Amino acid sequence: MPEPISSRVAGAIAFKAAGGAAAGGALLSTIVVMLMTPPRSTREWAVGLISTVVTGIGGGAMAVQYFRLQEWVDSMIGLVALGDLIFGCGLPGWAIARWVFNFIEKNRDAGIDEVAKEVKEVVG
C-alpha cells in the first residue's frame, strides 16, 4: 500500500500538470482565433478571450470525460495530447460568441415573438 503523503503529492503534481495543459491549450486557441478574426472593439476582445478559454476548458473537459481519457494525465505525451484536445475545443468558442452577439445586436429592438420566429426559421 502506498504511503498516504507520497500519494497525495503525486496526485497534486498530476492535477497541476493537467491544469497546465488546459491553460496552455486554451491560451493557444485564444491567440490563434484572435489573430485570424481580430476583434472590432475592446469589449469584443474581452468577450472573445473569455469565450475561447471557457469553451476550450469546458469542451475539453467534456471530451476527456466522454472518451474516458483521464489516464492520459499520467504521461507527458498524454498531457500534450490533452492540451491539443483543449486547443481544438477552444477554436469554435470565439466564432459562436461572435455569431450570438451579432444576432442579438441585429435583433436589439425586436419583440420576443419576432426573435422566436427568426430563430425558428434559422434552426428548423
C-alpha atoms as a PDB file:
ATOM      1  CA  MET A   1       0.000   0.000   0.000  1.00  0.00           C
ATOM      2  CA  PRO A   2       1.447   3.383  -0.949  1.00  0.00           C
ATOM      3  CA  GLU A   3       2.289   5.898   1.692  1.00  0.00           C
ATOM      4  CA  PRO A   4      -0.573   8.445   2.064  1.00  0.00           C
ATOM      5  CA  ILE A   5       1.665  11.514   1.892  1.00  0.00           C
ATOM      6  CA  SER A   6       3.511  10.451  -1.278  1.00  0.00           C
ATOM      7  CA  SER A   7       0.197   9.520  -2.939  1.00  0.00           C
ATOM      8  CA  ARG A   8      -1.183  12.971  -2.181  1.00  0.00           C
ATOM      9  CA  VAL A   9       1.944  14.651  -3.533  1.00  0.00           C
ATOM     10  CA  ALA A  10       1.779  12.598  -6.742  1.00  0.00           C
ATOM     11  CA  GLY A  11      -1.925  13.430  -7.098  1.00  0.00           C
ATOM     12  CA  ALA A  12      -1.241  17.135  -6.593  1.00  0.00           C
ATOM     13  CA  ILE A  13       1.523  17.092  -9.203  1.00  0.00           C
ATOM     14  CA  ALA A  14      -0.736  15.331 -11.736  1.00  0.00           C
ATOM     15  CA  PHE A  15      -3.548  17.805 -11.010  1.00  0.00           C
ATOM     16  CA  LYS A  16      -1.235  20.795 -11.556  1.00  0.00           C
ATOM     17  CA  ALA A  17       0.157  19.284 -14.756  1.00  0.00           C
ATOM     18  CA  ALA A  18      -3.355  18.711 -16.119  1.00  0.00           C
ATOM     19  CA  GLY A  19      -4.236  22.310 -15.261  1.00  0.00           C
ATOM     20  CA  GLY A  20      -1.150  23.486 -17.125  1.00  0.00           C
ATOM     21  CA  ALA A  21      -2.188  21.503 -20.193  1.00  0.00           C
ATOM     22  CA  ALA A  22      -5.681  23.004 -20.003  1.00  0.00           C
ATOM     23  CA  ALA A  23      -4.400  26.552 -19.595  1.00  0.00           C
ATOM     24  CA  GLY A  24      -1.820  26.149 -22.362  1.00  0.00           C
ATOM     25  CA  GLY A  25      -4.302  24.709 -24.848  1.00  0.00           C
ATOM     26  CA  ALA A  26      -6.933  27.340 -24.080  1.00  0.00           C
ATOM     27  CA  LEU A  27      -4.409  30.180 -24.316  1.00  0.00           C
ATOM     28  CA  LEU A  28      -3.044  28.999 -27.658  1.00  0.00           C
ATOM     29  CA  SER A  29      -6.503  28.594 -29.167  1.00  0.00           C
ATOM     30  CA  THR A  30      -7.357  32.113 -27.990  1.00  0.00           C
ATOM     31  CA  ILE A  31      -4.256  33.544 -29.663  1.00  0.00           C
ATOM     32  CA  VAL A  32      -4.929  31.718 -32.938  1.00  0.00           C
ATOM     33  CA  VAL A  33      -8.572  32.752 -33.067  1.00  0.00           C
ATOM     34  CA  MET A  34      -7.829  36.384 -32.226  1.00  0.00           C
ATOM     35  CA  LEU A  35      -5.178  36.537 -34.958  1.00  0.00           C
ATOM     36  CA  MET A  36      -7.494  35.001 -37.565  1.00  0.00           C
ATOM     37  CA  THR A  37     -10.540  37.158 -36.755  1.00  0.00           C
ATOM     38  CA  PRO A  38      -9.410  40.300 -34.953  1.00  0.00           C
ATOM     39  CA  PRO A  39     -11.924  41.824 -32.550  1.00  0.00           C
ATOM     40  CA  ARG A  40     -13.584  45.101 -33.548  1.00  0.00           C
ATOM     41  CA  SER A  41     -13.553  46.640 -30.060  1.00  0.00           C
ATOM     42  CA  THR A  42     -12.140  46.196 -26.577  1.00  0.00           C
ATOM     43  CA  ARG A  43     -15.429  44.701 -25.381  1.00  0.00           C
ATOM     44  CA  GLU A  44     -15.425  42.206 -28.229  1.00  0.00           C
ATOM     45  CA  TRP A  45     -11.815  41.310 -27.384  1.00  0.00           C
ATOM     46  CA  ALA A  46     -12.762  40.573 -23.767  1.00  0.00           C
ATOM     47  CA  VAL A  47     -15.799  38.520 -24.785  1.00  0.00           C
ATOM     48  CA  GLY A  48     -13.718  36.602 -27.320  1.00  0.00           C
ATOM     49  CA  LEU A  49     -10.991  35.887 -24.806  1.00  0.00           C
ATOM     50  CA  ILE A  50     -13.409  34.640 -22.162  1.00  0.00           C
ATOM     51  CA  SER A  51     -15.494  32.639 -24.652  1.00  0.00           C
ATOM     52  CA  THR A  52     -12.496  30.897 -26.180  1.00  0.00           C
ATOM     53  CA  VAL A  53     -10.934  29.985 -22.839  1.00  0.00           C
ATOM     54  CA  VAL A  54     -14.220  28.750 -21.343  1.00  0.00           C
ATOM     55  CA  THR A  55     -15.103  26.784 -24.490  1.00  0.00           C
ATOM     56  CA  GLY A  56     -11.643  25.243 -24.603  1.00  0.00           C
ATOM     57  CA  ILE A  57     -11.553  24.161 -20.982  1.00  0.00           C
ATOM     58  CA  GLY A  58     -15.239  23.207 -20.745  1.00  0.00           C
ATOM     59  CA  GLY A  59     -15.394  21.487 -24.121  1.00  0.00           C
ATOM     60  CA  GLY A  60     -12.070  19.785 -23.499  1.00  0.00           C
ATOM     61  CA  ALA A  61     -13.275  18.522 -20.128  1.00  0.00           C
ATOM     62  CA  MET A  62     -16.436  17.141 -21.729  1.00  0.00           C
ATOM     63  CA  ALA A  63     -14.395  15.424 -24.451  1.00  0.00           C
ATOM     64  CA  VAL A  64     -11.999  13.912 -21.884  1.00  0.00           C
ATOM     65  CA  GLN A  65     -14.943  12.624 -19.873  1.00  0.00           C
ATOM     66  CA  TYR A  66     -16.867  11.328 -22.900  1.00  0.00           C
ATOM     67  CA  PHE A  67     -13.875   9.490 -24.396  1.00  0.00           C
ATOM     68  CA  ARG A  68     -12.535   8.420 -20.953  1.00  0.00           C
ATOM     69  CA  LEU A  69      -9.092   9.949 -21.461  1.00  0.00           C
ATOM     70  CA  GLN A  70      -8.335  10.636 -17.778  1.00  0.00           C
ATOM     71  CA  GLU A  71      -5.382   8.240 -17.700  1.00  0.00           C
ATOM     72  CA  TRP A  72      -3.561  10.423 -20.223  1.00  0.00           C
ATOM     73  CA  VAL A  73      -2.650  12.674 -17.284  1.00  0.00           C
ATOM     74  CA  ASP A  74      -0.109  10.044 -16.190  1.00  0.00           C
ATOM     75  CA  SER A  75       2.362  10.733 -19.009  1.00  0.00           C
ATOM     76  CA  MET A  76       3.961  13.763 -20.604  1.00  0.00           C
ATOM     77  CA  ILE A  77       2.785  12.770 -24.095  1.00  0.00           C
ATOM     78  CA  GLY A  78      -0.730  12.341 -22.727  1.00  0.00           C
ATOM     79  CA  LEU A  79      -0.659  15.838 -21.222  1.00  0.00           C
ATOM     80  CA  VAL A  80       0.450  17.293 -24.545  1.00  0.00           C
ATOM     81  CA  ALA A  81      -2.381  15.433 -26.273  1.00  0.00           C
ATOM     82  CA  LEU A  82      -4.874  16.760 -23.713  1.00  0.00           C
ATOM     83  CA  GLY A  83      -3.579  20.283 -24.318  1.00  0.00           C
ATOM     84  CA  ASP A  84      -4.112  19.751 -28.052  1.00  0.00           C
ATOM     85  CA  LEU A  85      -7.646  18.494 -27.405  1.00  0.00           C
ATOM     86  CA  ILE A  86      -8.406  21.579 -25.325  1.00  0.00           C
ATOM     87  CA  PHE A  87      -6.889  23.757 -28.054  1.00  0.00           C
ATOM     88  CA  GLY A  88      -9.210  22.208 -30.638  1.00  0.00           C
ATOM     89  CA  CYS A  89     -12.252  22.585 -28.408  1.00  0.00           C
ATOM     90  CA  GLY A  90     -11.484  26.270 -27.847  1.00  0.00           C
ATOM     91  CA  LEU A  91     -11.362  27.244 -31.509  1.00  0.00           C
ATOM     92  CA  PRO A  92     -15.131  27.431 -32.146  1.00  0.00           C
ATOM     93  CA  GLY A  93     -15.799  29.421 -28.943  1.00  0.00           C
ATOM     94  CA  TRP A  94     -14.945  32.804 -30.425  1.00  0.00           C
ATOM     95  CA  ALA A  95     -16.963  32.193 -33.597  1.00  0.00           C
ATOM     96  CA  ILE A  96     -20.021  31.043 -31.642  1.00  0.00           C
ATOM     97  CA  ALA A  97     -19.827  34.061 -29.325  1.00  0.00           C
ATOM     98  CA  ARG A  98     -19.493  36.405 -32.283  1.00  0.00           C
ATOM     99  CA  TRP A  99     -22.493  34.853 -34.095  1.00  0.00           C
ATOM    100  CA  VAL A 100     -24.663  35.045 -30.997  1.00  0.00           C
ATOM    101  CA  PHE A 101     -23.784  38.659 -30.219  1.00  0.00           C
ATOM    102  CA  ASN A 102     -24.221  39.721 -33.854  1.00  0.00           C
ATOM    103  CA  PHE A 103     -27.690  38.119 -33.816  1.00  0.00           C
ATOM    104  CA  ILE A 104     -28.541  39.875 -30.560  1.00  0.00           C
ATOM    105  CA  GLU A 105     -27.341  43.227 -31.915  1.00  0.00           C
ATOM    106  CA  LYS A 106     -29.299  42.760 -35.142  1.00  0.00           C
ATOM    107  CA  ASN A 107     -32.494  41.992 -33.187  1.00  0.00           C
ATOM    108  CA  ARG A 108     -31.996  44.551 -30.411  1.00  0.00           C
ATOM    109  CA  ASP A 109     -35.320  46.304 -30.981  1.00  0.00           C
ATOM    110  CA  ALA A 110     -37.331  43.226 -31.993  1.00  0.00           C
ATOM    111  CA  GLY A 111     -40.016  41.723 -29.811  1.00  0.00           C
ATOM    112  CA  ILE A 112     -39.701  38.229 -28.378  1.00  0.00           C
ATOM    113  CA  ASP A 113     -42.196  36.876 -30.922  1.00  0.00           C
ATOM    114  CA  GLU A 114     -40.127  38.230 -33.826  1.00  0.00           C
ATOM    115  CA  VAL A 115     -36.919  36.794 -32.356  1.00  0.00           C
ATOM    116  CA  ALA A 116     -38.575  33.395 -31.798  1.00  0.00           C
ATOM    117  CA  LYS A 117     -39.872  33.408 -35.383  1.00  0.00           C
ATOM    118  CA  GLU A 118     -36.422  34.193 -36.793  1.00  0.00           C
ATOM    119  CA  VAL A 119     -34.722  31.553 -34.631  1.00  0.00           C
ATOM    120  CA  LYS A 120     -37.323  29.008 -35.752  1.00  0.00           C
ATOM    121  CA  GLU A 121     -36.628  29.890 -39.422  1.00  0.00           C
ATOM    122  CA  VAL A 122     -32.888  29.549 -38.951  1.00  0.00           C
ATOM    123  CA  VAL A 123     -32.952  26.355 -36.876  1.00  0.00           C
ATOM    124  CA  GLY A 124     -35.844  24.480 -38.391  1.00  0.00           C
END
